Amino acid sequence: MKTVKEIIKKYLNENEFDGLYQPGECACEKSDLAPCGETPLDCLAGYKIPGASGMSFDWDIGPKKSDEDDFNKPEEWTIKTIRL
C-alpha cells in the first residue's frame, strides 16, 4: 500500500511539477515533501521559480513556470490543484 506522500510524489512526477506550495505560506520541492511535518493535503502543485525580492529563500514554488516579474503578479496566476 502506498503512502499519501508516495501518491503525491508520483502525481508531481507524472505531471512535471516541481513541488507543493501554500500561497503566502510555504513551499517544498518534490524531493523533500512536507519537511514541516504537516500532511500536505491542502497544498497545491506548482513549479520552482526564483524567490521574490526580500524573501528569505532564493527559490519558491508557484502555480506556473515564470520569472521573478511574473511571481510578483499573483492576479495572473493560474492555479492547478491536485486531484487524487
C-alpha atoms as a PDB file:
ATOM      1  CA  MET A   1       0.000   0.000   0.000  1.00  0.00           C
ATOM      2  CA  LYS A   2       1.315   3.461  -0.898  1.00  0.00           C
ATOM      3  CA  THR A   3       1.509   6.402   1.486  1.00  0.00           C
ATOM      4  CA  VAL A   4      -0.096   9.771   0.695  1.00  0.00           C
ATOM      5  CA  LYS A   5       3.394  11.235   0.151  1.00  0.00           C
ATOM      6  CA  GLU A   6       4.225   8.493  -2.366  1.00  0.00           C
ATOM      7  CA  ILE A   7       0.963   9.093  -4.255  1.00  0.00           C
ATOM      8  CA  ILE A   8       1.537  12.855  -4.330  1.00  0.00           C
ATOM      9  CA  LYS A   9       5.160  12.472  -5.444  1.00  0.00           C
ATOM     10  CA  LYS A  10       4.058  10.137  -8.276  1.00  0.00           C
ATOM     11  CA  TYR A  11       1.455  12.677  -9.393  1.00  0.00           C
ATOM     12  CA  LEU A  12       4.005  15.518  -9.316  1.00  0.00           C
ATOM     13  CA  ASN A  13       6.495  13.474 -11.361  1.00  0.00           C
ATOM     14  CA  GLU A  14       3.929  12.332 -13.926  1.00  0.00           C
ATOM     15  CA  ASN A  15       2.672  15.887 -14.441  1.00  0.00           C
ATOM     16  CA  GLU A  16       6.119  17.541 -14.394  1.00  0.00           C
ATOM     17  CA  PHE A  17       5.517  19.665 -11.274  1.00  0.00           C
ATOM     18  CA  ASP A  18       8.478  20.654  -9.108  1.00  0.00           C
ATOM     19  CA  GLY A  19       6.792  20.580  -5.713  1.00  0.00           C
ATOM     20  CA  LEU A  20       3.965  21.795  -3.491  1.00  0.00           C
ATOM     21  CA  TYR A  21       3.037  25.177  -2.058  1.00  0.00           C
ATOM     22  CA  GLN A  22       0.507  27.052   0.031  1.00  0.00           C
ATOM     23  CA  PRO A  23       0.114  30.603  -1.342  1.00  0.00           C
ATOM     24  CA  GLY A  24       1.781  33.048   1.017  1.00  0.00           C
ATOM     25  CA  GLU A  25       2.685  30.293   3.472  1.00  0.00           C
ATOM     26  CA  CYS A  26       5.245  27.699   2.418  1.00  0.00           C
ATOM     27  CA  ALA A  27       6.680  25.628  -0.408  1.00  0.00           C
ATOM     28  CA  CYS A  28       8.568  22.354  -0.709  1.00  0.00           C
ATOM     29  CA  GLU A  29      10.320  20.528  -3.515  1.00  0.00           C
ATOM     30  CA  LYS A  30       9.103  17.073  -4.501  1.00  0.00           C
ATOM     31  CA  SER A  31      12.440  15.643  -3.355  1.00  0.00           C
ATOM     32  CA  ASP A  32      11.615  16.817   0.194  1.00  0.00           C
ATOM     33  CA  LEU A  33       7.833  16.844   0.545  1.00  0.00           C
ATOM     34  CA  ALA A  34       6.370  18.344   3.702  1.00  0.00           C
ATOM     35  CA  PRO A  35       9.601  18.835   5.674  1.00  0.00           C
ATOM     36  CA  CYS A  36       7.454  20.791   8.138  1.00  0.00           C
ATOM     37  CA  GLY A  37       5.839  17.539   9.219  1.00  0.00           C
ATOM     38  CA  GLU A  38       2.359  18.643   8.146  1.00  0.00           C
ATOM     39  CA  THR A  39       0.160  16.463   5.926  1.00  0.00           C
ATOM     40  CA  PRO A  40       0.201  18.163   2.504  1.00  0.00           C
ATOM     41  CA  LEU A  41      -3.492  17.573   1.771  1.00  0.00           C
ATOM     42  CA  ASP A  42      -4.291  21.277   1.274  1.00  0.00           C
ATOM     43  CA  CYS A  43      -1.184  22.064  -0.777  1.00  0.00           C
ATOM     44  CA  LEU A  44      -1.195  22.958  -4.463  1.00  0.00           C
ATOM     45  CA  ALA A  45       1.078  21.515  -7.144  1.00  0.00           C
ATOM     46  CA  GLY A  46       3.473  24.030  -8.647  1.00  0.00           C
ATOM     47  CA  TYR A  47       6.731  24.891 -10.339  1.00  0.00           C
ATOM     48  CA  LYS A  48      10.047  26.064  -8.948  1.00  0.00           C
ATOM     49  CA  ILE A  49      10.543  29.790  -9.536  1.00  0.00           C
ATOM     50  CA  PRO A  50      13.052  32.401  -8.399  1.00  0.00           C
ATOM     51  CA  GLY A  51      12.357  33.841  -4.968  1.00  0.00           C
ATOM     52  CA  ALA A  52      10.912  37.341  -4.963  1.00  0.00           C
ATOM     53  CA  SER A  53      12.942  40.246  -3.638  1.00  0.00           C
ATOM     54  CA  GLY A  54      13.023  40.264   0.137  1.00  0.00           C
ATOM     55  CA  MET A  55      12.281  36.563   0.522  1.00  0.00           C
ATOM     56  CA  SER A  56      14.491  34.512   2.788  1.00  0.00           C
ATOM     57  CA  PHE A  57      14.977  31.801   0.110  1.00  0.00           C
ATOM     58  CA  ASP A  58      16.371  32.108  -3.401  1.00  0.00           C
ATOM     59  CA  TRP A  59      13.527  29.963  -4.822  1.00  0.00           C
ATOM     60  CA  ASP A  60       9.847  29.349  -4.277  1.00  0.00           C
ATOM     61  CA  ILE A  61       7.130  27.107  -5.717  1.00  0.00           C
ATOM     62  CA  GLY A  62       4.320  28.811  -7.634  1.00  0.00           C
ATOM     63  CA  PRO A  63       1.398  27.975  -9.890  1.00  0.00           C
ATOM     64  CA  LYS A  64       3.209  28.436 -13.189  1.00  0.00           C
ATOM     65  CA  LYS A  65       6.684  28.471 -14.635  1.00  0.00           C
ATOM     66  CA  SER A  66       7.676  32.107 -14.533  1.00  0.00           C
ATOM     67  CA  ASP A  67      10.333  34.672 -13.943  1.00  0.00           C
ATOM     68  CA  GLU A  68      10.592  36.947 -10.916  1.00  0.00           C
ATOM     69  CA  ASP A  69       8.477  39.670 -12.556  1.00  0.00           C
ATOM     70  CA  ASP A  70       5.567  37.255 -13.038  1.00  0.00           C
ATOM     71  CA  PHE A  71       5.966  35.981  -9.473  1.00  0.00           C
ATOM     72  CA  ASN A  72       5.076  39.432  -8.201  1.00  0.00           C
ATOM     73  CA  LYS A  73       1.764  39.439 -10.130  1.00  0.00           C
ATOM     74  CA  PRO A  74      -0.458  36.828  -8.397  1.00  0.00           C
ATOM     75  CA  GLU A  75      -3.571  38.081 -10.222  1.00  0.00           C
ATOM     76  CA  GLU A  76      -2.144  36.493 -13.392  1.00  0.00           C
ATOM     77  CA  TRP A  77      -1.543  33.089 -11.820  1.00  0.00           C
ATOM     78  CA  THR A  78      -3.457  30.032 -12.943  1.00  0.00           C
ATOM     79  CA  ILE A  79      -3.726  27.532 -10.093  1.00  0.00           C
ATOM     80  CA  LYS A  80      -3.722  23.775 -10.703  1.00  0.00           C
ATOM     81  CA  THR A  81      -4.930  21.623  -7.859  1.00  0.00           C
ATOM     82  CA  ILE A  82      -4.031  18.030  -7.123  1.00  0.00           C
ATOM     83  CA  ARG A  83      -6.795  15.577  -7.835  1.00  0.00           C
ATOM     84  CA  LEU A  84      -6.170  12.195  -6.242  1.00  0.00           C
END
